[in-house]
Amino acid sequence: MKQSMKVFISVLFFCWSITVSYAQPRTDAVLTNLFETNQRSIFQEVIRHPDTYRLQIIYTQINRDKNNNPTFINYYFNVDSTNYFNPASTVKLPLALLSLEKLNGLKDQQVTKFTAMQFDSAYSKQTKEWQDETSETGYPSIAHFIRKAFLVSDNDAYSRMYEFVGQSAINRSLHAKGYLDTRITHRFVRMTADENRHTNPIRFIQKNGALIYAQPAANNTDPFDFRRVAKLGKGFYVKDSLVNQPFDFTERNKFPLEAFQQVLQSVMFPLSVPAKQRFKLTADDYRFLYQYLSQYPGETNYPKYDAKQYYDSYVKFFFMDSLHHQMPEGVRVFNKVGWAYGFLTDASYVADFKNRIEYMLTATIYVNSDGILNDDKYEFDSVGHPFMYQLGQTIYGYELKRKRQYAPDLSLFRLTYEKRNNDNRPPVKDVDN
């Protein structure tokens, strides 16, 4: 891994800041012209009404020099960091990175991402988790949470990583790395703001149950800046009751699209971002992340997900065709998605080993024509997913034709994936995601 990472030494740094807010959405003619080449009705409906769909897109070209060093060019469509979208499960990516970073900071050789963990409870609404039947060891671990969060976007895995890192450390760390407009305030379970400030006591244990390391319960006393109000829609449901006023996201999680794209880039190409933006990860951490950002649920043994329900393109929105769920031959997508409240979001690094192309694509879309939230009546299937697929295919098709002076050497991202074992364990279905 160390030798492979040397290819990044001469990478040019970005000349723009991820923390800048723009008064007007950023749109580049390159994308405007490219999108005209796809005249499918659903695609053009969204492209021609970007504000209606709260659409934001970042397409990142990657070009290599003769030494395989990459440089990056970002093209934007309607990108505005002040235009709120609900990040949903996209925040599982920084939580995974911060969890690994915290483990590395413990500097206890007995505690690794594979070490068994147990969660206790010490405050209102907190729950215990002492075992995990989907794990090979029968116990939770940071590694297993990351697998579940990446493979099928499991919600409990996120909440447990949130509890391990802690609300204060999450936000302080992200802000210190330059992601100043990012905000992580809650688990993915129903809790009050006060309850989300408190996190569980946790212990790491040996195989025989002996204690290795104990982390006490914590409480975040840092204030949040909620001055920028974020309200959407004209109504929302609380259980079976309709509330006729906009849904208030002001105190919810926030993860602007540029920050999302940059966090993924910091993982895939760590030396392409300023040092302070990188996460403190080991070579083995990077290999582990690359595997589970791109491995399919049906290839994985622990957890043993139902391969029919969780098909290859299940969390690969830019390649998720409604008719065929197979990925193109030779293509692997390293990505994280999120979906909730009518929003669909994806940040992807695409590597085509057959055709030797690579690029990044990040986008978010809002599909909620009736303006009512929490009614489960979103146009995910009729508009959202078809648009994201067409967007993905438009960029992929363009990249297949785009001329490069030097074809990339993608060997760093060529991985050995698992093969599903034939055993009698029932597959995991209907995950809360």
Protein backbone atom coordinates (compact mmCIF):
# COMPACT_ATOMS: atom_id res chain seq x y z
CA MET A 1 0.00 0.00 0.00
CA LYS A 2 2.84 2.41 0.86
CA GLN A 3 4.44 1.96 -2.55
CA SER A 4 1.09 2.36 -4.28
CA MET A 5 0.42 5.56 -2.40
CA LYS A 6 3.59 7.13 -3.78
CA VAL A 7 1.77 7.83 -7.05
CA PHE A 8 -0.08 10.61 -5.29
CA ILE A 9 2.96 12.58 -4.12
CA SER A 10 2.86 15.07 -6.99
CA VAL A 11 -0.90 15.57 -7.03
CA LEU A 12 -2.07 19.13 -7.48
CA PHE A 13 -4.17 20.53 -4.66
CA PHE A 14 -7.59 21.99 -5.24
CA CYS A 15 -7.63 25.72 -5.78
CA TRP A 16 -11.11 26.10 -4.36
CA SER A 17 -12.31 25.84 -0.76
CA ILE A 18 -15.00 23.42 0.31
CA THR A 19 -16.20 25.86 2.93
CA VAL A 20 -17.15 28.72 0.62
CA SER A 21 -20.85 29.48 0.26
CA TYR A 22 -21.99 30.96 -3.03
CA ALA A 23 -24.73 33.53 -3.44
CA GLN A 24 -25.78 31.97 -6.74
CA PRO A 25 -25.80 28.29 -7.76
CA ARG A 26 -22.73 27.24 -9.71
CA THR A 27 -23.38 25.84 -13.19
CA ASP A 28 -20.77 25.06 -15.85
CA ALA A 29 -21.47 25.04 -19.58
CA VAL A 30 -19.68 21.70 -19.93
CA LEU A 31 -22.51 19.97 -18.06
CA THR A 32 -25.28 22.08 -19.58
CA ASN A 33 -24.13 21.08 -23.06
CA LEU A 34 -23.53 17.45 -22.11
CA PHE A 35 -27.01 17.08 -20.63
CA GLU A 36 -28.55 18.18 -23.92
CA THR A 37 -27.29 14.96 -25.47
CA ASN A 38 -29.73 12.92 -23.35
CA GLN A 39 -33.26 13.74 -24.48
CA ARG A 40 -35.10 11.15 -22.42
CA SER A 41 -38.21 12.78 -21.00
CA ILE A 42 -37.61 12.13 -17.29
CA PHE A 43 -34.01 13.28 -17.54
CA GLN A 44 -34.91 16.52 -19.32
CA GLU A 45 -37.84 17.19 -16.99
CA VAL A 46 -35.47 17.31 -14.04
CA ILE A 47 -32.62 19.09 -15.82
CA ARG A 48 -34.95 21.87 -17.00
CA HIS A 49 -36.46 22.35 -13.54
CA PRO A 50 -33.45 22.08 -11.21
CA ASP A 51 -34.94 24.28 -8.49
CA THR A 52 -38.16 22.24 -8.34
CA TYR A 53 -36.12 19.11 -7.78
CA ARG A 54 -33.48 20.85 -5.64
CA LEU A 55 -30.99 19.25 -8.03
CA GLN A 56 -27.24 19.57 -7.47
CA ILE A 57 -24.54 17.75 -9.45
CA ILE A 58 -20.73 17.63 -9.30
CA TYR A 59 -18.87 15.77 -12.05
CA THR A 60 -15.15 15.30 -11.41
CA GLN A 61 -12.82 14.52 -14.30
CA ILE A 62 -9.65 12.68 -13.35
CA ASN A 63 -6.59 12.92 -15.58
CA ARG A 64 -3.28 11.12 -15.05
CA ASP A 65 0.20 12.18 -16.05
CA LYS A 66 2.89 9.82 -17.36
CA ASN A 67 3.70 8.81 -13.78
CA ASN A 68 0.04 8.01 -13.07
CA ASN A 69 -0.36 11.04 -10.79
CA PRO A 70 -3.99 12.25 -10.88
CA THR A 71 -5.35 15.77 -11.22
CA PHE A 72 -8.99 16.72 -10.81
CA ILE A 73 -11.37 19.10 -12.57
CA ASN A 74 -14.79 19.70 -11.01
CA TYR A 75 -17.81 20.70 -13.11
CA TYR A 76 -20.95 21.91 -11.35
CA PHE A 77 -24.65 22.01 -12.09
CA ASN A 78 -26.87 24.11 -9.80
CA VAL A 79 -24.54 23.57 -6.83
CA ASP A 80 -25.25 25.80 -3.83
CA SER A 81 -24.06 24.83 -0.35
CA THR A 82 -26.73 27.04 1.21
CA ASN A 83 -29.50 25.04 -0.50
CA TYR A 84 -30.32 22.43 2.14
CA PHE A 85 -30.90 18.78 1.33
CA ASN A 86 -31.37 16.02 3.87
CA PRO A 87 -28.16 13.95 3.76
CA ALA A 88 -29.82 10.81 5.14
CA SER A 89 -27.38 7.87 5.05
CA THR A 90 -24.57 9.78 3.33
CA VAL A 91 -23.33 10.75 6.82
CA LYS A 92 -22.45 7.11 7.42
CA LEU A 93 -19.30 7.70 5.35
CA PRO A 94 -17.69 10.32 7.63
CA LEU A 95 -18.84 8.37 10.71
CA ALA A 96 -17.01 5.28 9.43
CA LEU A 97 -13.87 7.32 8.82
CA LEU A 98 -14.04 9.03 12.20
CA SER A 99 -14.58 5.68 13.93
CA LEU A 100 -11.41 4.28 12.35
CA GLU A 101 -9.53 7.49 13.13
CA LYS A 102 -10.60 7.30 16.79
CA LEU A 103 -9.51 3.66 17.04
CA ASN A 104 -6.11 4.57 15.64
CA GLY A 105 -5.88 7.41 18.16
CA LEU A 106 -6.36 5.02 21.07
CA LYS A 107 -2.94 3.50 20.28
CA ASP A 108 -3.93 0.32 22.05
CA GLN A 109 -2.71 -2.59 19.94
CA GLN A 110 -5.34 -4.87 21.46
CA VAL A 111 -8.16 -2.64 20.17
CA THR A 112 -8.65 -2.78 16.40
CA LYS A 113 -11.58 -2.38 14.05
CA PHE A 114 -12.19 -6.12 14.41
CA THR A 115 -12.27 -6.15 18.23
CA ALA A 116 -15.56 -7.21 19.79
CA MET A 117 -17.62 -4.40 21.32
CA GLN A 118 -20.56 -4.18 23.68
CA PHE A 119 -22.86 -1.20 24.15
CA ASP A 120 -24.54 -0.47 27.46
CA SER A 121 -27.19 2.15 28.29
CA ALA A 122 -26.94 5.06 30.71
CA TYR A 123 -29.49 7.65 29.60
CA SER A 124 -33.03 8.00 28.32
CA LYS A 125 -33.83 6.00 25.13
CA GLN A 126 -30.36 4.43 24.97
CA THR A 127 -30.33 0.72 24.10
CA LYS A 128 -27.89 -2.10 24.79
CA GLU A 129 -26.19 -4.18 22.13
CA TRP A 130 -24.08 -7.02 23.44
CA GLN A 131 -24.27 -9.44 20.51
CA ASP A 132 -24.66 -9.41 16.73
CA GLU A 133 -25.83 -12.65 15.13
CA THR A 134 -24.90 -11.39 11.64
CA SER A 135 -21.24 -11.17 12.64
CA GLU A 136 -18.81 -14.06 12.27
CA THR A 137 -17.75 -13.65 15.92
CA GLY A 138 -21.26 -13.08 17.22
CA TYR A 139 -20.27 -9.63 18.49
CA PRO A 140 -20.46 -6.10 17.09
CA SER A 141 -17.26 -4.39 15.95
CA ILE A 142 -16.36 -1.21 14.11
CA ALA A 143 -15.40 -3.30 11.06
CA HIS A 144 -18.77 -5.02 11.08
CA PHE A 145 -20.64 -1.73 11.47
CA ILE A 146 -18.78 -0.33 8.45
CA ARG A 147 -19.63 -3.41 6.37
CA LYS A 148 -23.32 -3.05 7.21
CA ALA A 149 -23.34 0.72 6.68
CA PHE A 150 -21.70 0.46 3.26
CA LEU A 151 -23.19 -2.75 1.85
CA VAL A 152 -26.89 -2.03 2.46
CA SER A 153 -26.83 1.28 4.41
CA ASP A 154 -27.84 -0.23 7.76
CA ASN A 155 -29.13 2.41 10.22
CA ASP A 156 -28.19 0.73 13.50
CA ALA A 157 -24.58 0.54 12.34
CA TYR A 158 -24.54 4.32 11.91
CA SER A 159 -26.11 4.97 15.31
CA ARG A 160 -23.54 2.75 17.03
CA MET A 161 -20.62 4.51 15.31
CA TYR A 162 -22.22 7.81 16.36
CA GLU A 163 -22.21 6.55 19.95
CA PHE A 164 -18.60 5.41 19.74
CA VAL A 165 -17.19 8.65 18.32
CA GLY A 166 -19.54 10.94 20.27
CA GLN A 167 -21.47 13.98 19.12
CA SER A 168 -18.86 16.50 20.24
CA ALA A 169 -15.89 14.70 18.65
CA ILE A 170 -17.81 14.14 15.39
CA ASN A 171 -18.46 17.82 14.82
CA ARG A 172 -15.19 19.12 16.21
CA SER A 173 -13.24 16.73 13.99
CA LEU A 174 -15.16 17.54 10.81
CA HIS A 175 -14.88 21.28 11.44
CA ALA A 176 -11.15 20.98 12.14
CA LYS A 177 -10.75 19.24 8.79
CA GLY A 178 -12.38 22.21 7.05
CA TYR A 179 -15.93 20.91 6.67
CA LEU A 180 -17.28 23.93 8.54
CA ASP A 181 -20.82 23.83 7.16
CA THR A 182 -21.31 20.17 8.14
CA ARG A 183 -23.45 19.25 11.14
CA ILE A 184 -24.13 15.82 12.70
CA THR A 185 -26.69 16.08 15.49
CA HIS A 186 -28.59 12.80 15.77
CA ARG A 187 -28.76 9.03 15.58
CA PHE A 188 -31.21 7.31 13.21
CA VAL A 189 -33.66 6.50 15.99
CA ARG A 190 -36.35 8.68 17.55
CA MET A 191 -34.66 10.77 20.24
CA THR A 192 -34.84 14.32 21.53
CA ALA A 193 -32.00 16.77 20.96
CA ASP A 194 -30.93 16.28 24.57
CA GLU A 195 -30.95 12.49 24.25
CA ASN A 196 -28.81 12.70 21.12
CA ARG A 197 -26.21 14.73 23.04
CA HIS A 198 -25.70 11.77 25.36
CA THR A 199 -23.86 8.67 24.14
CA ASN A 200 -23.58 5.18 25.60
CA PRO A 201 -20.88 3.57 27.70
CA ILE A 202 -18.97 1.09 25.53
CA ARG A 203 -16.49 -1.68 26.20
CA PHE A 204 -14.09 -3.62 23.99
CA ILE A 205 -13.60 -7.22 25.02
CA GLN A 206 -11.42 -10.25 24.30
CA LYS A 207 -12.85 -13.47 22.88
CA ASN A 208 -13.26 -14.84 26.40
CA GLY A 209 -15.20 -11.75 27.47
CA ALA A 210 -12.36 -10.12 29.41
CA LEU A 211 -12.37 -6.33 29.30
CA ILE A 212 -9.73 -4.62 27.13
CA TYR A 213 -10.90 -1.01 27.11
CA ALA A 214 -13.90 0.84 28.54
CA GLN A 215 -15.30 4.11 27.20
CA PRO A 216 -17.60 5.93 29.63
CA ALA A 217 -20.89 7.56 28.73
CA ALA A 218 -20.48 11.08 27.34
CA ASN A 219 -22.48 14.28 27.00
CA ASN A 220 -21.84 16.97 24.39
CA THR A 221 -22.03 20.48 25.85
CA ASP A 222 -20.86 22.27 22.69
CA PRO A 223 -23.44 24.63 21.14
CA PHE A 224 -24.65 24.29 17.54
CA ASP A 225 -25.17 27.16 15.14
CA PHE A 226 -28.80 26.90 14.02
CA ARG A 227 -29.14 30.45 12.67
CA ARG A 228 -29.66 29.29 9.09
CA VAL A 229 -33.26 28.06 8.97
CA ALA A 230 -34.07 25.07 6.72
CA LYS A 231 -37.77 24.33 6.22
CA LEU A 232 -39.28 22.31 3.37
CA GLY A 233 -42.69 21.35 2.09
CA LYS A 234 -46.15 22.47 3.08
CA GLY A 235 -46.96 19.79 5.62
CA PHE A 236 -45.82 16.62 7.34
CA TYR A 237 -47.22 13.68 9.23
CA VAL A 238 -46.64 12.89 12.88
CA LYS A 239 -47.90 9.32 13.17
CA ASP A 240 -51.35 9.57 11.52
CA SER A 241 -51.84 13.32 12.00
CA LEU A 242 -51.10 15.87 9.28
CA VAL A 243 -49.40 19.07 10.43
CA ASN A 244 -50.06 21.85 7.93
CA GLN A 245 -46.74 23.65 8.10
CA PRO A 246 -43.26 23.14 6.59
CA PHE A 247 -41.05 20.43 8.03
CA ASP A 248 -38.18 21.96 10.01
CA PHE A 249 -34.72 20.53 9.19
CA THR A 250 -32.86 23.38 10.92
CA GLU A 251 -31.48 21.17 13.70
CA ARG A 252 -31.09 18.01 11.61
CA ASN A 253 -27.92 16.61 10.06
CA LYS A 254 -26.33 18.69 7.32
CA PHE A 255 -23.70 17.49 4.83
CA PRO A 256 -23.34 19.82 1.78
CA LEU A 257 -22.71 18.17 -1.56
CA GLU A 258 -19.22 19.64 -1.99
CA ALA A 259 -18.21 18.36 1.44
CA PHE A 260 -19.60 14.91 0.60
CA GLN A 261 -17.65 14.78 -2.66
CA GLN A 262 -14.50 15.97 -0.94
CA VAL A 263 -14.74 13.42 1.90
CA LEU A 264 -15.02 10.58 -0.63
CA GLN A 265 -12.10 12.00 -2.60
CA SER A 266 -10.04 12.20 0.60
CA VAL A 267 -10.56 8.44 1.00
CA MET A 268 -9.89 7.40 -2.58
CA PHE A 269 -7.07 9.91 -3.20
CA PRO A 270 -5.85 11.08 0.21
CA LEU A 271 -2.89 13.09 -1.07
CA SER A 272 -5.11 15.06 -3.44
CA VAL A 273 -6.56 17.07 -0.57
CA PRO A 274 -4.78 19.32 1.94
CA ALA A 275 -3.26 17.43 4.88
CA LYS A 276 -5.74 18.78 7.42
CA GLN A 277 -8.67 17.37 5.42
CA ARG A 278 -7.37 13.81 5.51
CA PHE A 279 -8.52 11.23 8.02
CA LYS A 280 -5.81 9.52 10.08
CA LEU A 281 -6.11 6.03 8.62
CA THR A 282 -3.74 3.12 8.18
CA ALA A 283 -2.92 1.31 4.94
CA ASP A 284 -5.09 -1.58 6.11
CA ASP A 285 -7.94 0.86 6.82
CA TYR A 286 -7.81 2.10 3.23
CA ARG A 287 -7.86 -1.42 1.82
CA PHE A 288 -10.80 -2.30 4.06
CA LEU A 289 -12.73 0.83 3.04
CA TYR A 290 -12.08 0.27 -0.66
CA GLN A 291 -13.36 -3.29 -0.39
CA TYR A 292 -16.64 -2.51 1.33
CA LEU A 293 -17.34 0.70 -0.55
CA SER A 294 -17.36 -1.41 -3.72
CA GLN A 295 -18.20 -5.01 -2.71
CA TYR A 296 -21.72 -6.32 -3.39
CA PRO A 297 -24.06 -7.64 -0.70
CA GLY A 298 -24.32 -10.93 -2.59
CA GLU A 299 -20.56 -11.41 -2.38
CA THR A 300 -20.47 -10.98 1.38
CA ASN A 301 -20.63 -13.79 3.95
CA TYR A 302 -20.99 -11.74 7.15
CA PRO A 303 -23.60 -10.35 7.08
CA LYS A 304 -25.18 -12.86 4.73
CA TYR A 305 -27.60 -10.57 2.93
CA ASP A 306 -30.38 -11.86 0.70
CA ALA A 307 -28.78 -11.43 -2.73
CA LYS A 308 -32.14 -11.13 -4.49
CA GLN A 309 -33.38 -8.30 -2.29
CA TYR A 310 -29.95 -6.66 -2.06
CA TYR A 311 -28.79 -7.00 -5.66
CA ASP A 312 -25.45 -5.79 -7.04
CA SER A 313 -26.59 -2.25 -7.90
CA TYR A 314 -28.80 -1.86 -4.82
CA VAL A 315 -26.81 1.08 -3.43
CA LYS A 316 -25.23 2.14 -6.74
CA PHE A 317 -27.77 4.76 -7.88
CA PHE A 318 -25.91 5.81 -11.05
CA PHE A 319 -26.01 2.20 -12.30
CA MET A 320 -29.31 1.06 -10.78
CA ASP A 321 -31.42 0.16 -13.79
CA SER A 322 -35.01 -0.73 -12.85
CA LEU A 323 -35.03 -3.66 -15.30
CA HIS A 324 -31.55 -5.12 -14.91
CA HIS A 325 -29.62 -5.13 -11.67
CA GLN A 326 -26.28 -6.26 -13.05
CA MET A 327 -23.30 -3.92 -13.12
CA PRO A 328 -21.33 -3.41 -16.35
CA GLU A 329 -18.49 -5.86 -16.84
CA GLY A 330 -15.25 -4.60 -15.35
CA VAL A 331 -16.84 -1.71 -13.43
CA ARG A 332 -16.63 -1.17 -9.69
CA VAL A 333 -18.26 1.77 -7.93
CA PHE A 334 -16.79 3.03 -4.66
CA ASN A 335 -19.59 5.08 -3.17
CA LYS A 336 -22.10 5.96 -0.48
CA VAL A 337 -25.76 6.79 -0.97
CA GLY A 338 -28.59 8.19 1.10
CA TRP A 339 -32.36 8.39 0.74
CA ALA A 340 -35.01 9.94 2.98
CA TYR A 341 -37.76 12.59 2.98
CA GLY A 342 -37.85 12.52 -0.84
CA PHE A 343 -34.11 13.08 -1.28
CA LEU A 344 -31.80 10.71 -3.17
CA THR A 345 -28.05 11.39 -2.94
CA ASP A 346 -24.96 9.55 -4.17
CA ALA A 347 -21.22 10.26 -4.23
CA SER A 348 -19.27 7.78 -6.39
CA TYR A 349 -15.81 7.07 -7.63
CA VAL A 350 -16.20 4.88 -10.74
CA ALA A 351 -13.37 2.64 -11.92
CA ASP A 352 -13.78 0.76 -15.21
CA PHE A 353 -10.94 -1.76 -15.32
CA LYS A 354 -11.94 -3.09 -18.74
CA ASN A 355 -11.95 0.25 -20.54
CA ARG A 356 -9.43 1.94 -18.19
CA ILE A 357 -11.45 4.98 -17.26
CA GLU A 358 -12.18 6.66 -13.92
CA TYR A 359 -14.19 9.63 -12.68
CA MET A 360 -16.26 10.88 -9.77
CA LEU A 361 -19.93 11.81 -9.81
CA THR A 362 -21.94 13.30 -6.94
CA ALA A 363 -25.58 14.35 -7.06
CA THR A 364 -28.72 14.95 -5.02
CA ILE A 365 -32.36 15.20 -6.13
CA TYR A 366 -35.64 15.86 -4.30
CA VAL A 367 -38.81 14.11 -5.50
CA ASN A 368 -41.83 15.07 -3.42
CA SER A 369 -44.44 16.64 -5.68
CA ASP A 370 -47.22 16.88 -3.09
CA GLY A 371 -45.03 18.79 -0.65
CA ILE A 372 -46.00 16.50 2.24
CA LEU A 373 -43.21 14.82 4.20
CA ASN A 374 -43.38 11.57 6.18
CA ASP A 375 -46.28 10.29 4.07
CA ASP A 376 -44.10 7.76 2.20
CA LYS A 377 -45.41 9.17 -1.09
CA TYR A 378 -42.20 10.12 -2.83
CA GLU A 379 -41.43 9.68 -6.52
CA PHE A 380 -38.33 7.59 -5.92
CA ASP A 381 -39.29 4.88 -8.42
CA SER A 382 -40.98 7.04 -11.06
CA VAL A 383 -38.57 10.02 -11.13
CA GLY A 384 -35.69 9.83 -8.65
CA HIS A 385 -34.04 6.52 -9.49
CA PRO A 386 -34.66 6.78 -13.26
CA PHE A 387 -33.08 10.24 -13.28
CA MET A 388 -30.05 9.18 -11.26
CA TYR A 389 -29.54 6.21 -13.58
CA GLN A 390 -29.78 8.40 -16.68
CA LEU A 391 -27.40 10.91 -15.15
CA GLY A 392 -24.96 8.11 -14.40
CA GLN A 393 -25.21 6.70 -17.89
CA THR A 394 -24.79 10.12 -19.49
CA ILE A 395 -21.52 10.72 -17.64
CA TYR A 396 -20.32 7.13 -18.07
CA GLY A 397 -21.00 7.26 -21.81
CA TYR A 398 -19.13 10.54 -22.09
CA GLU A 399 -16.18 9.14 -20.16
CA LEU A 400 -16.01 6.09 -22.42
CA LYS A 401 -15.49 8.42 -25.39
CA ARG A 402 -13.34 11.06 -23.69
CA LYS A 403 -9.74 11.05 -24.94
CA ARG A 404 -6.96 10.84 -22.38
CA GLN A 405 -3.28 11.47 -22.92
CA TYR A 406 -2.47 8.70 -20.44
CA ALA A 407 -4.71 5.79 -19.50
CA PRO A 408 -4.90 5.34 -15.72
CA ASP A 409 -3.22 2.52 -13.88
CA LEU A 410 -6.07 1.41 -11.59
CA SER A 411 -4.22 -1.42 -9.87
CA LEU A 412 -4.55 0.29 -6.46
CA PHE A 413 -8.31 -0.24 -6.67
CA ARG A 414 -8.27 -3.76 -8.11
CA LEU A 415 -9.32 -5.85 -5.14
CA THR A 416 -9.99 -9.46 -4.27
CA TYR A 417 -13.62 -9.71 -3.23
CA GLU A 418 -15.32 -12.34 -1.15
CA LYS A 419 -17.24 -15.29 -2.59
CA ARG A 420 -20.48 -16.31 -0.95
CA ASN A 421 -20.18 -19.62 0.91
CA ASN A 422 -22.88 -22.23 0.60
CA ASP A 423 -24.10 -22.74 4.14
CA ASN A 424 -27.41 -23.20 5.90
CA ARG A 425 -27.63 -19.80 7.56
CA PRO A 426 -30.78 -17.91 6.57
CA PRO A 427 -30.04 -14.71 4.62
CA VAL A 428 -30.61 -11.33 6.22
CA LYS A 429 -33.66 -9.55 4.83
CA ASP A 430 -35.55 -6.28 5.37
CA VAL A 431 -32.77 -4.25 6.97
CA ASP A 432 -33.72 -0.95 8.59
CA ASN A 433 -32.08 1.48 6.19
